[in-house]
Amino acid sequence: MDRAKIEEVLQIHGYESEVAKNGLKVKLGWFANRLNLSWDLSRKRINYAYNQILDPILATVIGALAIHSSLTSDITIATVQGAIVLNLILRIIITELRVIELKILLSQYQNSILNDARKPVT
């Protein structure tokens, strides 16, 4: 799959992207994480990489600390930690929704390329 054509499709649909070493870095919006796209030659599909593991772990740890702080110490610390957890959770949800939208868009593009390649030349 051609990186330039993927970048063109992304720009047509309003995504900002830039070329990275092994693929494309895509900005998903003002509050979502960056997405790294790369092409897997062996499986012939696009790989999507973003903070899929780090953000939920941070939200869980800080959430546990917020609960502990609310039970044992000052409520203001617990409130700040709770606000950080809500921020992370919203970021996770928004990123997931935008990645799903982008996966649908790129799968339609990939399917159209495969259908064009299967048509006999007359």
PDB file of N, CA and C in Angstrom:
ATOM      1  N   MET A   1       0.852  -1.173   0.000  1.00  0.00           N
ATOM      2  CA  MET A   1       0.000   0.000   0.000  1.00  0.00           C
ATOM      3  C   MET A   1       0.897   1.234   0.000  1.00  0.00           C
ATOM      4  N   ASP A   2       0.522   2.209  -0.749  1.00  0.00           N
ATOM      5  CA  ASP A   2       1.325   3.402  -0.937  1.00  0.00           C
ATOM      6  C   ASP A   2       1.083   4.402   0.197  1.00  0.00           C
ATOM      7  N   ARG A   3       2.160   4.808   0.844  1.00  0.00           N
ATOM      8  CA  ARG A   3       2.070   5.738   1.967  1.00  0.00           C
ATOM      9  C   ARG A   3       1.515   7.094   1.531  1.00  0.00           C
ATOM     10  N   ALA A   4       1.910   7.542   0.340  1.00  0.00           N
ATOM     11  CA  ALA A   4       1.439   8.840  -0.157  1.00  0.00           C
ATOM     12  C   ALA A   4      -0.070   8.831  -0.389  1.00  0.00           C
ATOM     13  N   LYS A   5      -0.603   7.716  -0.887  1.00  0.00           N
ATOM     14  CA  LYS A   5      -2.051   7.635  -1.127  1.00  0.00           C
ATOM     15  C   LYS A   5      -2.824   7.597   0.191  1.00  0.00           C
ATOM     16  N   ILE A   6      -2.268   6.900   1.185  1.00  0.00           N
ATOM     17  CA  ILE A   6      -2.918   6.888   2.493  1.00  0.00           C
ATOM     18  C   ILE A   6      -2.929   8.290   3.086  1.00  0.00           C
ATOM     19  N   GLU A   7      -1.798   8.986   2.947  1.00  0.00           N
ATOM     20  CA  GLU A   7      -1.721  10.351   3.458  1.00  0.00           C
ATOM     21  C   GLU A   7      -2.711  11.270   2.733  1.00  0.00           C
ATOM     22  N   GLU A   8      -2.882  11.053   1.442  1.00  0.00           N
ATOM     23  CA  GLU A   8      -3.843  11.838   0.663  1.00  0.00           C
ATOM     24  C   GLU A   8      -5.273  11.576   1.129  1.00  0.00           C
ATOM     25  N   VAL A   9      -5.607  10.302   1.372  1.00  0.00           N
ATOM     26  CA  VAL A   9      -6.947   9.955   1.859  1.00  0.00           C
ATOM     27  C   VAL A   9      -7.185  10.592   3.226  1.00  0.00           C
ATOM     28  N   LEU A  10      -6.174  10.572   4.076  1.00  0.00           N
ATOM     29  CA  LEU A  10      -6.313  11.180   5.398  1.00  0.00           C
ATOM     30  C   LEU A  10      -6.542  12.688   5.296  1.00  0.00           C
ATOM     31  N   GLN A  11      -5.806  13.345   4.417  1.00  0.00           N
ATOM     32  CA  GLN A  11      -5.961  14.785   4.266  1.00  0.00           C
ATOM     33  C   GLN A  11      -7.316  15.148   3.666  1.00  0.00           C
ATOM     34  N   ILE A  12      -7.817  14.324   2.754  1.00  0.00           N
ATOM     35  CA  ILE A  12      -9.145  14.575   2.172  1.00  0.00           C
ATOM     36  C   ILE A  12     -10.216  14.555   3.255  1.00  0.00           C
ATOM     37  N   HIS A  13     -10.054  13.657   4.228  1.00  0.00           N
ATOM     38  CA  HIS A  13     -11.042  13.512   5.294  1.00  0.00           C
ATOM     39  C   HIS A  13     -10.720  14.358   6.527  1.00  0.00           C
ATOM     40  N   GLY A  14      -9.738  15.253   6.423  1.00  0.00           N
ATOM     41  CA  GLY A  14      -9.503  16.224   7.479  1.00  0.00           C
ATOM     42  C   GLY A  14      -8.523  15.817   8.564  1.00  0.00           C
ATOM     43  N   TYR A  15      -7.745  14.778   8.360  1.00  0.00           N
ATOM     44  CA  TYR A  15      -6.757  14.362   9.351  1.00  0.00           C
ATOM     45  C   TYR A  15      -5.402  14.980   9.019  1.00  0.00           C
ATOM     46  N   GLU A  16      -4.704  15.440  10.045  1.00  0.00           N
ATOM     47  CA  GLU A  16      -3.346  15.933   9.861  1.00  0.00           C
ATOM     48  C   GLU A  16      -2.394  14.763  10.049  1.00  0.00           C
ATOM     49  N   SER A  17      -1.479  14.600   9.096  1.00  0.00           N
ATOM     50  CA  SER A  17      -0.521  13.500   9.205  1.00  0.00           C
ATOM     51  C   SER A  17       0.851  13.980   8.779  1.00  0.00           C
ATOM     52  N   GLU A  18       1.854  13.286   9.281  1.00  0.00           N
ATOM     53  CA  GLU A  18       3.231  13.572   8.894  1.00  0.00           C
ATOM     54  C   GLU A  18       3.970  12.254   8.756  1.00  0.00           C
ATOM     55  N   VAL A  19       4.972  12.255   7.907  1.00  0.00           N
ATOM     56  CA  VAL A  19       5.728  11.038   7.627  1.00  0.00           C
ATOM     57  C   VAL A  19       6.687  10.779   8.775  1.00  0.00           C
ATOM     58  N   ALA A  20       6.697   9.537   9.251  1.00  0.00           N
ATOM     59  CA  ALA A  20       7.627   9.094  10.282  1.00  0.00           C
ATOM     60  C   ALA A  20       8.575   8.072   9.669  1.00  0.00           C
ATOM     61  N   LYS A  21       9.465   7.531  10.491  1.00  0.00           N
ATOM     62  CA  LYS A  21      10.438   6.557   9.985  1.00  0.00           C
ATOM     63  C   LYS A  21       9.783   5.346   9.338  1.00  0.00           C
ATOM     64  N   ASN A  22       8.861   4.746  10.054  1.00  0.00           N
ATOM     65  CA  ASN A  22       8.283   3.491   9.578  1.00  0.00           C
ATOM     66  C   ASN A  22       6.807   3.604   9.195  1.00  0.00           C
ATOM     67  N   GLY A  23       6.303   4.808   9.013  1.00  0.00           N
ATOM     68  CA  GLY A  23       4.898   4.941   8.649  1.00  0.00           C
ATOM     69  C   GLY A  23       4.444   6.378   8.707  1.00  0.00           C
ATOM     70  N   LEU A  24       3.243   6.574   9.222  1.00  0.00           N
ATOM     71  CA  LEU A  24       2.655   7.910   9.333  1.00  0.00           C
ATOM     72  C   LEU A  24       2.249   8.177  10.774  1.00  0.00           C
ATOM     73  N   LYS A  25       2.416   9.422  11.209  1.00  0.00           N
ATOM     74  CA  LYS A  25       1.887   9.867  12.493  1.00  0.00           C
ATOM     75  C   LYS A  25       0.656  10.702  12.188  1.00  0.00           C
ATOM     76  N   VAL A  26      -0.459  10.338  12.797  1.00  0.00           N
ATOM     77  CA  VAL A  26      -1.730  10.994  12.516  1.00  0.00           C
ATOM     78  C   VAL A  26      -2.228  11.685  13.784  1.00  0.00           C
ATOM     79  N   LYS A  27      -2.597  12.959  13.650  1.00  0.00           N
ATOM     80  CA  LYS A  27      -3.231  13.686  14.745  1.00  0.00           C
ATOM     81  C   LYS A  27      -4.722  13.412  14.673  1.00  0.00           C
ATOM     82  N   LEU A  28      -5.278  12.922  15.770  1.00  0.00           N
ATOM     83  CA  LEU A  28      -6.694  12.561  15.776  1.00  0.00           C
ATOM     84  C   LEU A  28      -7.590  13.675  16.287  1.00  0.00           C
ATOM     85  N   GLY A  29      -7.023  14.735  16.793  1.00  0.00           N
ATOM     86  CA  GLY A  29      -7.847  15.834  17.276  1.00  0.00           C
ATOM     87  C   GLY A  29      -7.199  16.520  18.452  1.00  0.00           C
ATOM     88  N   TRP A  30      -7.927  17.420  19.048  1.00  0.00           N
ATOM     89  CA  TRP A  30      -7.366  18.265  20.100  1.00  0.00           C
ATOM     90  C   TRP A  30      -7.192  17.533  21.415  1.00  0.00           C
ATOM     91  N   PHE A  31      -7.899  16.473  21.665  1.00  0.00           N
ATOM     92  CA  PHE A  31      -7.829  15.815  22.972  1.00  0.00           C
ATOM     93  C   PHE A  31      -7.471  14.338  22.880  1.00  0.00           C
ATOM     94  N   ALA A  32      -7.221  13.843  21.697  1.00  0.00           N
ATOM     95  CA  ALA A  32      -6.916  12.427  21.507  1.00  0.00           C
ATOM     96  C   ALA A  32      -5.406  12.229  21.357  1.00  0.00           C
ATOM     97  N   ASN A  33      -4.976  11.008  21.593  1.00  0.00           N
ATOM     98  CA  ASN A  33      -3.561  10.664  21.425  1.00  0.00           C
ATOM     99  C   ASN A  33      -3.187  10.637  19.956  1.00  0.00           C
ATOM    100  N   ARG A  34      -1.889  10.722  19.691  1.00  0.00           N
ATOM    101  CA  ARG A  34      -1.404  10.554  18.322  1.00  0.00           C
ATOM    102  C   ARG A  34      -1.463   9.078  17.951  1.00  0.00           C
ATOM    103  N   LEU A  35      -1.640   8.839  16.670  1.00  0.00           N
ATOM    104  CA  LEU A  35      -1.739   7.483  16.150  1.00  0.00           C
ATOM    105  C   LEU A  35      -0.602   7.258  15.166  1.00  0.00           C
ATOM    106  N   ASN A  36       0.071   6.135  15.296  1.00  0.00           N
ATOM    107  CA  ASN A  36       1.118   5.763  14.350  1.00  0.00           C
ATOM    108  C   ASN A  36       0.582   4.655  13.450  1.00  0.00           C
ATOM    109  N   LEU A  37       0.642   4.891  12.146  1.00  0.00           N
ATOM    110  CA  LEU A  37       0.205   3.908  11.163  1.00  0.00           C
ATOM    111  C   LEU A  37       1.421   3.323  10.480  1.00  0.00           C
ATOM    112  N   SER A  38       1.427   2.015  10.335  1.00  0.00           N
ATOM    113  CA  SER A  38       2.491   1.353   9.567  1.00  0.00           C
ATOM    114  C   SER A  38       1.877   0.191   8.805  1.00  0.00           C
ATOM    115  N   TRP A  39       2.525  -0.184   7.717  1.00  0.00           N
ATOM    116  CA  TRP A  39       2.031  -1.255   6.858  1.00  0.00           C
ATOM    117  C   TRP A  39       2.779  -2.536   7.182  1.00  0.00           C
ATOM    118  N   ASP A  40       2.044  -3.607   7.489  1.00  0.00           N
ATOM    119  CA  ASP A  40       2.627  -4.911   7.762  1.00  0.00           C
ATOM    120  C   ASP A  40       2.622  -5.704   6.461  1.00  0.00           C
ATOM    121  N   LEU A  41       3.803  -5.930   5.915  1.00  0.00           N
ATOM    122  CA  LEU A  41       3.902  -6.624   4.629  1.00  0.00           C
ATOM    123  C   LEU A  41       3.481  -8.079   4.706  1.00  0.00           C
ATOM    124  N   SER A  42       3.814  -8.760   5.804  1.00  0.00           N
ATOM    125  CA  SER A  42       3.513 -10.182   5.888  1.00  0.00           C
ATOM    126  C   SER A  42       2.014 -10.458   5.998  1.00  0.00           C
ATOM    127  N   ARG A  43       1.286  -9.612   6.712  1.00  0.00           N
ATOM    128  CA  ARG A  43      -0.155  -9.805   6.869  1.00  0.00           C
ATOM    129  C   ARG A  43      -0.977  -8.962   5.909  1.00  0.00           C
ATOM    130  N   LYS A  44      -0.315  -8.062   5.181  1.00  0.00           N
ATOM    131  CA  LYS A  44      -0.965  -7.166   4.225  1.00  0.00           C
ATOM    132  C   LYS A  44      -2.103  -6.376   4.861  1.00  0.00           C
ATOM    133  N   ARG A  45      -1.762  -5.721   5.965  1.00  0.00           N
ATOM    134  CA  ARG A  45      -2.737  -4.883   6.645  1.00  0.00           C
ATOM    135  C   ARG A  45      -2.036  -3.744   7.358  1.00  0.00           C
ATOM    136  N   ILE A  46      -2.809  -2.771   7.779  1.00  0.00           N
ATOM    137  CA  ILE A  46      -2.288  -1.590   8.457  1.00  0.00           C
ATOM    138  C   ILE A  46      -2.242  -1.850   9.957  1.00  0.00           C
ATOM    139  N   ASN A  47      -1.119  -1.490  10.590  1.00  0.00           N
ATOM    140  CA  ASN A  47      -0.991  -1.564  12.038  1.00  0.00           C
ATOM    141  C   ASN A  47      -1.285  -0.199  12.639  1.00  0.00           C
ATOM    142  N   TYR A  48      -2.031  -0.190  13.723  1.00  0.00           N
ATOM    143  CA  TYR A  48      -2.391   1.027  14.427  1.00  0.00           C
ATOM    144  C   TYR A  48      -1.729   0.981  15.800  1.00  0.00           C
ATOM    145  N   ALA A  49      -0.952   2.009  16.141  1.00  0.00           N
ATOM    146  CA  ALA A  49      -0.273   2.041  17.442  1.00  0.00           C
ATOM    147  C   ALA A  49      -0.532   3.383  18.118  1.00  0.00           C
ATOM    148  N   TYR A  50      -0.988   3.322  19.352  1.00  0.00           N
ATOM    149  CA  TYR A  50      -1.195   4.505  20.187  1.00  0.00           C
ATOM    150  C   TYR A  50      -1.122   4.042  21.626  1.00  0.00           C
ATOM    151  N   ASN A  51      -1.362   4.916  22.577  1.00  0.00           N
ATOM    152  CA  ASN A  51      -1.218   4.564  23.995  1.00  0.00           C
ATOM    153  C   ASN A  51      -2.360   3.661  24.454  1.00  0.00           C
ATOM    154  N   GLN A  52      -2.399   2.455  23.930  1.00  0.00           N
ATOM    155  CA  GLN A  52      -3.478   1.531  24.261  1.00  0.00           C
ATOM    156  C   GLN A  52      -3.291   0.918  25.641  1.00  0.00           C
ATOM    157  N   ILE A  53      -2.065   0.827  26.101  1.00  0.00           N
ATOM    158  CA  ILE A  53      -1.786   0.166  27.375  1.00  0.00           C
ATOM    159  C   ILE A  53      -1.458   1.177  28.466  1.00  0.00           C
ATOM    160  N   LEU A  54      -0.662   2.182  28.144  1.00  0.00           N
ATOM    161  CA  LEU A  54      -0.174   3.115  29.158  1.00  0.00           C
ATOM    162  C   LEU A  54      -1.293   3.953  29.785  1.00  0.00           C
ATOM    163  N   ASP A  55      -2.149   4.518  28.990  1.00  0.00           N
ATOM    164  CA  ASP A  55      -3.212   5.380  29.537  1.00  0.00           C
ATOM    165  C   ASP A  55      -4.175   4.633  30.465  1.00  0.00           C
ATOM    166  N   PRO A  56      -4.675   3.449  30.111  1.00  0.00           N
ATOM    167  CA  PRO A  56      -5.548   2.739  31.066  1.00  0.00           C
ATOM    168  C   PRO A  56      -4.832   2.335  32.355  1.00  0.00           C
ATOM    169  N   ILE A  57      -3.558   1.976  32.252  1.00  0.00           N
ATOM    170  CA  ILE A  57      -2.813   1.627  33.473  1.00  0.00           C
ATOM    171  C   ILE A  57      -2.659   2.855  34.359  1.00  0.00           C
ATOM    172  N   LEU A  58      -2.300   4.000  33.743  1.00  0.00           N
ATOM    173  CA  LEU A  58      -2.185   5.234  34.528  1.00  0.00           C
ATOM    174  C   LEU A  58      -3.515   5.620  35.167  1.00  0.00           C
ATOM    175  N   ALA A  59      -4.605   5.492  34.419  1.00  0.00           N
ATOM    176  CA  ALA A  59      -5.922   5.834  34.962  1.00  0.00           C
ATOM    177  C   ALA A  59      -6.270   4.925  36.145  1.00  0.00           C
ATOM    178  N   THR A  60      -5.938   3.656  36.036  1.00  0.00           N
ATOM    179  CA  THR A  60      -6.232   2.722  37.120  1.00  0.00           C
ATOM    180  C   THR A  60      -5.405   3.030  38.367  1.00  0.00           C
ATOM    181  N   VAL A  61      -4.115   3.260  38.178  1.00  0.00           N
ATOM    182  CA  VAL A  61      -3.235   3.527  39.322  1.00  0.00           C
ATOM    183  C   VAL A  61      -3.617   4.845  40.002  1.00  0.00           C
ATOM    184  N   ILE A  62      -3.813   5.891  39.209  1.00  0.00           N
ATOM    185  CA  ILE A  62      -4.164   7.186  39.799  1.00  0.00           C
ATOM    186  C   ILE A  62      -5.556   7.121  40.419  1.00  0.00           C
ATOM    187  N   GLY A  63      -6.473   6.351  39.820  1.00  0.00           N
ATOM    188  CA  GLY A  63      -7.801   6.164  40.422  1.00  0.00           C
ATOM    189  C   GLY A  63      -7.725   5.469  41.770  1.00  0.00           C
ATOM    190  N   ALA A  64      -6.871   4.452  41.868  1.00  0.00           N
ATOM    191  CA  ALA A  64      -6.693   3.767  43.151  1.00  0.00           C
ATOM    192  C   ALA A  64      -6.084   4.713  44.176  1.00  0.00           C
ATOM    193  N   LEU A  65      -5.131   5.530  43.755  1.00  0.00           N
ATOM    194  CA  LEU A  65      -4.545   6.519  44.666  1.00  0.00           C
ATOM    195  C   LEU A  65      -5.580   7.554  45.102  1.00  0.00           C
ATOM    196  N   ALA A  66      -6.467   7.932  44.188  1.00  0.00           N
ATOM    197  CA  ALA A  66      -7.515   8.901  44.541  1.00  0.00           C
ATOM    198  C   ALA A  66      -8.462   8.317  45.581  1.00  0.00           C
ATOM    199  N   ILE A  67      -8.826   7.066  45.421  1.00  0.00           N
ATOM    200  CA  ILE A  67      -9.704   6.415  46.411  1.00  0.00           C
ATOM    201  C   ILE A  67      -8.995   6.315  47.747  1.00  0.00           C
ATOM    202  N   HIS A  68      -7.728   5.927  47.717  1.00  0.00           N
ATOM    203  CA  HIS A  68      -6.955   5.825  48.957  1.00  0.00           C
ATOM    204  C   HIS A  68      -6.815   7.197  49.630  1.00  0.00           C
ATOM    205  N   SER A  69      -6.552   8.238  48.827  1.00  0.00           N
ATOM    206  CA  SER A  69      -6.407   9.590  49.375  1.00  0.00           C
ATOM    207  C   SER A  69      -7.715  10.096  49.966  1.00  0.00           C
ATOM    208  N   SER A  70      -8.817   9.766  49.334  1.00  0.00           N
ATOM    209  CA  SER A  70     -10.106  10.233  49.854  1.00  0.00           C
ATOM    210  C   SER A  70     -10.458   9.565  51.179  1.00  0.00           C
ATOM    211  N   LEU A  71      -9.965   8.347  51.378  1.00  0.00           N
ATOM    212  CA  LEU A  71     -10.268   7.637  52.620  1.00  0.00           C
ATOM    213  C   LEU A  71      -9.303   7.974  53.750  1.00  0.00           C
ATOM    214  N   THR A  72      -8.066   8.326  53.432  1.00  0.00           N
ATOM    215  CA  THR A  72      -7.059   8.476  54.475  1.00  0.00           C
ATOM    216  C   THR A  72      -6.548   9.892  54.690  1.00  0.00           C
ATOM    217  N   SER A  73      -6.587  10.726  53.678  1.00  0.00           N
ATOM    218  CA  SER A  73      -5.966  12.048  53.852  1.00  0.00           C
ATOM    219  C   SER A  73      -6.859  13.147  53.298  1.00  0.00           C
ATOM    220  N   ASP A  74      -6.229  14.186  52.841  1.00  0.00           N
ATOM    221  CA  ASP A  74      -6.915  15.395  52.408  1.00  0.00           C
ATOM    222  C   ASP A  74      -7.784  15.150  51.175  1.00  0.00           C
ATOM    223  N   ILE A  75      -8.976  15.721  51.186  1.00  0.00           N
ATOM    224  CA  ILE A  75      -9.911  15.534  50.078  1.00  0.00           C
ATOM    225  C   ILE A  75      -9.485  16.327  48.843  1.00  0.00           C
ATOM    226  N   THR A  76      -8.717  17.409  49.004  1.00  0.00           N
ATOM    227  CA  THR A  76      -8.285  18.190  47.844  1.00  0.00           C
ATOM    228  C   THR A  76      -7.326  17.391  46.973  1.00  0.00           C
ATOM    229  N   ILE A  77      -6.462  16.616  47.589  1.00  0.00           N
ATOM    230  CA  ILE A  77      -5.549  15.759  46.809  1.00  0.00           C
ATOM    231  C   ILE A  77      -6.352  14.712  46.047  1.00  0.00           C
ATOM    232  N   ALA A  78      -7.334  14.136  46.698  1.00  0.00           N
ATOM    233  CA  ALA A  78      -8.189  13.143  46.050  1.00  0.00           C
ATOM    234  C   ALA A  78      -8.973  13.762  44.907  1.00  0.00           C
ATOM    235  N   THR A  79      -9.403  15.014  45.067  1.00  0.00           N
ATOM    236  CA  THR A  79     -10.150  15.697  44.014  1.00  0.00           C
ATOM    237  C   THR A  79      -9.272  15.940  42.791  1.00  0.00           C
ATOM    238  N   VAL A  80      -8.036  16.364  43.029  1.00  0.00           N
ATOM    239  CA  VAL A  80      -7.105  16.586  41.916  1.00  0.00           C
ATOM    240  C   VAL A  80      -6.811  15.268  41.203  1.00  0.00           C
ATOM    241  N   GLN A  81      -6.568  14.225  41.968  1.00  0.00           N
ATOM    242  CA  GLN A  81      -6.314  12.918  41.359  1.00  0.00           C
ATOM    243  C   GLN A  81      -7.540  12.421  40.593  1.00  0.00           C
ATOM    244  N   GLY A  82      -8.732  12.651  41.132  1.00  0.00           N
ATOM    245  CA  GLY A  82      -9.954  12.268  40.431  1.00  0.00           C
ATOM    246  C   GLY A  82     -10.118  13.023  39.124  1.00  0.00           C
ATOM    247  N   ALA A  83      -9.750  14.298  39.115  1.00  0.00           N
ATOM    248  CA  ALA A  83      -9.823  15.084  37.882  1.00  0.00           C
ATOM    249  C   ALA A  83      -8.840  14.555  36.842  1.00  0.00           C
ATOM    250  N   ILE A  84      -7.672  14.154  37.287  1.00  0.00           N
ATOM    251  CA  ILE A  84      -6.682  13.568  36.360  1.00  0.00           C
ATOM    252  C   ILE A  84      -7.210  12.265  35.781  1.00  0.00           C
ATOM    253  N   VAL A  85      -7.851  11.444  36.617  1.00  0.00           N
ATOM    254  CA  VAL A  85      -8.416  10.172  36.149  1.00  0.00           C
ATOM    255  C   VAL A  85      -9.521  10.421  35.126  1.00  0.00           C
ATOM    256  N   LEU A  86     -10.405  11.381  35.395  1.00  0.00           N
ATOM    257  CA  LEU A  86     -11.464  11.702  34.437  1.00  0.00           C
ATOM    258  C   LEU A  86     -10.878  12.197  33.123  1.00  0.00           C
ATOM    259  N   ASN A  87      -9.825  13.009  33.197  1.00  0.00           N
ATOM    260  CA  ASN A  87      -9.137  13.478  32.001  1.00  0.00           C
ATOM    261  C   ASN A  87      -8.592  12.302  31.193  1.00  0.00           C
ATOM    262  N   LEU A  88      -7.934  11.366  31.864  1.00  0.00           N
ATOM    263  CA  LEU A  88      -7.384  10.195  31.163  1.00  0.00           C
ATOM    264  C   LEU A  88      -8.486   9.330  30.559  1.00  0.00           C
ATOM    265  N   ILE A  89      -9.571   9.138  31.297  1.00  0.00           N
ATOM    266  CA  ILE A  89     -10.666   8.306  30.791  1.00  0.00           C
ATOM    267  C   ILE A  89     -11.307   8.943  29.558  1.00  0.00           C
ATOM    268  N   LEU A  90     -11.527  10.252  29.609  1.00  0.00           N
ATOM    269  CA  LEU A  90     -12.077  10.938  28.434  1.00  0.00           C
ATOM    270  C   LEU A  90     -11.128  10.840  27.249  1.00  0.00           C
ATOM    271  N   ARG A  91      -9.834  10.969  27.511  1.00  0.00           N
ATOM    272  CA  ARG A  91      -8.837  10.860  26.440  1.00  0.00           C
ATOM    273  C   ARG A  91      -8.847   9.464  25.821  1.00  0.00           C
ATOM    274  N   ILE A  92      -8.968   8.441  26.657  1.00  0.00           N
ATOM    275  CA  ILE A  92      -9.016   7.059  26.163  1.00  0.00           C
ATOM    276  C   ILE A  92     -10.253   6.862  25.281  1.00  0.00           C
ATOM    277  N   ILE A  93     -11.406   7.325  25.749  1.00  0.00           N
ATOM    278  CA  ILE A  93     -12.654   7.138  25.006  1.00  0.00           C
ATOM    279  C   ILE A  93     -12.619   7.886  23.678  1.00  0.00           C
ATOM    280  N   ILE A  94     -12.179   9.139  23.710  1.00  0.00           N
ATOM    281  CA  ILE A  94     -12.126   9.926  22.479  1.00  0.00           C
ATOM    282  C   ILE A  94     -11.147   9.317  21.482  1.00  0.00           C
ATOM    283  N   THR A  95      -9.994   8.869  21.985  1.00  0.00           N
ATOM    284  CA  THR A  95      -9.012   8.241  21.095  1.00  0.00           C
ATOM    285  C   THR A  95      -9.578   6.977  20.468  1.00  0.00           C
ATOM    286  N   GLU A  96     -10.225   6.138  21.257  1.00  0.00           N
ATOM    287  CA  GLU A  96     -10.798   4.906  20.726  1.00  0.00           C
ATOM    288  C   GLU A  96     -11.865   5.184  19.668  1.00  0.00           C
ATOM    289  N   LEU A  97     -12.721   6.166  19.918  1.00  0.00           N
ATOM    290  CA  LEU A  97     -13.753   6.499  18.937  1.00  0.00           C
ATOM    291  C   LEU A  97     -13.151   7.008  17.637  1.00  0.00           C
ATOM    292  N   ARG A  98     -12.130   7.828  17.742  1.00  0.00           N
ATOM    293  CA  ARG A  98     -11.491   8.359  16.532  1.00  0.00           C
ATOM    294  C   ARG A  98     -10.716   7.283  15.781  1.00  0.00           C
ATOM    295  N   VAL A  99     -10.099   6.357  16.512  1.00  0.00           N
ATOM    296  CA  VAL A  99      -9.369   5.265  15.851  1.00  0.00           C
ATOM    297  C   VAL A  99     -10.346   4.343  15.138  1.00  0.00           C
ATOM    298  N   ILE A 100     -11.496   4.072  15.740  1.00  0.00           N
ATOM    299  CA  ILE A 100     -12.507   3.237  15.081  1.00  0.00           C
ATOM    300  C   ILE A 100     -12.963   3.899  13.790  1.00  0.00           C
ATOM    301  N   GLU A 101     -13.203   5.205  13.837  1.00  0.00           N
ATOM    302  CA  GLU A 101     -13.603   5.938  12.638  1.00  0.00           C
ATOM    303  C   GLU A 101     -12.527   5.861  11.557  1.00  0.00           C
ATOM    304  N   LEU A 102     -11.265   6.008  11.964  1.00  0.00           N
ATOM    305  CA  LEU A 102     -10.159   5.952  11.010  1.00  0.00           C
ATOM    306  C   LEU A 102      -9.972   4.539  10.449  1.00  0.00           C
ATOM    307  N   LYS A 103     -10.160   3.520  11.283  1.00  0.00           N
ATOM    308  CA  LYS A 103     -10.061   2.133  10.805  1.00  0.00           C
ATOM    309  C   LYS A 103     -11.123   1.849   9.750  1.00  0.00           C
ATOM    310  N   ILE A 104     -12.338   2.332   9.972  1.00  0.00           N
ATOM    311  CA  ILE A 104     -13.404   2.135   8.982  1.00  0.00           C
ATOM    312  C   ILE A 104     -13.044   2.826   7.676  1.00  0.00           C
ATOM    313  N   LEU A 105     -12.555   4.046   7.765  1.00  0.00           N
ATOM    314  CA  LEU A 105     -12.176   4.804   6.578  1.00  0.00           C
ATOM    315  C   LEU A 105     -11.066   4.105   5.795  1.00  0.00           C
ATOM    316  N   LEU A 106     -10.029   3.674   6.486  1.00  0.00           N
ATOM    317  CA  LEU A 106      -8.898   3.035   5.804  1.00  0.00           C
ATOM    318  C   LEU A 106      -9.233   1.634   5.312  1.00  0.00           C
ATOM    319  N   SER A 107     -10.127   0.929   6.003  1.00  0.00           N
ATOM    320  CA  SER A 107     -10.518  -0.393   5.505  1.00  0.00           C
ATOM    321  C   SER A 107     -11.343  -0.268   4.230  1.00  0.00           C
ATOM    322  N   GLN A 108     -12.182   0.763   4.140  1.00  0.00           N
ATOM    323  CA  GLN A 108     -12.916   1.000   2.897  1.00  0.00           C
ATOM    324  C   GLN A 108     -11.953   1.327   1.759  1.00  0.00           C
ATOM    325  N   TYR A 109     -10.950   2.129   2.051  1.00  0.00           N
ATOM    326  CA  TYR A 109      -9.943   2.472   1.042  1.00  0.00           C
ATOM    327  C   TYR A 109      -9.166   1.227   0.621  1.00  0.00           C
ATOM    328  N   GLN A 110      -8.762   0.413   1.590  1.00  0.00           N
ATOM    329  CA  GLN A 110      -8.010  -0.808   1.289  1.00  0.00           C
ATOM    330  C   GLN A 110      -8.854  -1.789   0.486  1.00  0.00           C
ATOM    331  N   ASN A 111     -10.137  -1.924   0.827  1.00  0.00           N
ATOM    332  CA  ASN A 111     -11.025  -2.822   0.079  1.00  0.00           C
ATOM    333  C   ASN A 111     -11.238  -2.345  -1.347  1.00  0.00           C
ATOM    334  N   SER A 112     -11.332  -1.039  -1.543  1.00  0.00           N
ATOM    335  CA  SER A 112     -11.503  -0.527  -2.903  1.00  0.00           C
ATOM    336  C   SER A 112     -10.256  -0.791  -3.745  1.00  0.00           C
ATOM    337  N   ILE A 113      -9.084  -0.718  -3.141  1.00  0.00           N
ATOM    338  CA  ILE A 113      -7.848  -1.020  -3.868  1.00  0.00           C
ATOM    339  C   ILE A 113      -7.805  -2.503  -4.239  1.00  0.00           C
ATOM    340  N   LEU A 114      -8.184  -3.372  -3.297  1.00  0.00           N
ATOM    341  CA  LEU A 114      -8.169  -4.803  -3.577  1.00  0.00           C
ATOM    342  C   LEU A 114      -9.199  -5.164  -4.641  1.00  0.00           C
ATOM    343  N   ASN A 115     -10.366  -4.537  -4.608  1.00  0.00           N
ATOM    344  CA  ASN A 115     -11.388  -4.810  -5.640  1.00  0.00           C
ATOM    345  C   ASN A 115     -10.934  -4.334  -7.006  1.00  0.00           C
ATOM    346  N   ASP A 116     -10.247  -3.193  -7.069  1.00  0.00           N
ATOM    347  CA  ASP A 116      -9.728  -2.700  -8.340  1.00  0.00           C
ATOM    348  C   ASP A 116      -8.645  -3.625  -8.875  1.00  0.00           C
ATOM    349  N   ALA A 117      -7.848  -4.215  -7.980  1.00  0.00           N
ATOM    350  CA  ALA A 117      -6.772  -5.105  -8.419  1.00  0.00           C
ATOM    351  C   ALA A 117      -7.320  -6.433  -8.937  1.00  0.00           C
ATOM    352  N   ARG A 118      -8.491  -6.848  -8.440  1.00  0.00           N
ATOM    353  CA  ARG A 118      -9.067  -8.128  -8.862  1.00  0.00           C
ATOM    354  C   ARG A 118      -9.831  -8.049 -10.174  1.00  0.00           C
ATOM    355  N   LYS A 119     -10.189  -6.833 -10.605  1.00  0.00           N
ATOM    356  CA  LYS A 119     -10.943  -6.694 -11.842  1.00  0.00           C
ATOM    357  C   LYS A 119     -10.048  -7.056 -13.026  1.00  0.00           C
ATOM    358  N   PRO A 120     -10.598  -7.810 -13.961  1.00  0.00           N
ATOM    359  CA  PRO A 120      -9.786  -8.151 -15.140  1.00  0.00           C
ATOM    360  C   PRO A 120      -9.600  -6.928 -16.042  1.00  0.00           C
ATOM    361  N   VAL A 121      -8.446  -6.855 -16.632  1.00  0.00           N
ATOM    362  CA  VAL A 121      -8.146  -5.761 -17.552  1.00  0.00           C
ATOM    363  C   VAL A 121      -8.655  -6.142 -18.930  1.00  0.00           C
ATOM    364  N   THR A 122      -9.446  -5.256 -19.528  1.00  0.00           N
ATOM    365  CA  THR A 122      -9.999  -5.566 -20.849  1.00  0.00           C
ATOM    366  C   THR A 122      -9.442  -4.639 -21.891  1.00  0.00           C
TER     367      THR A 122
END
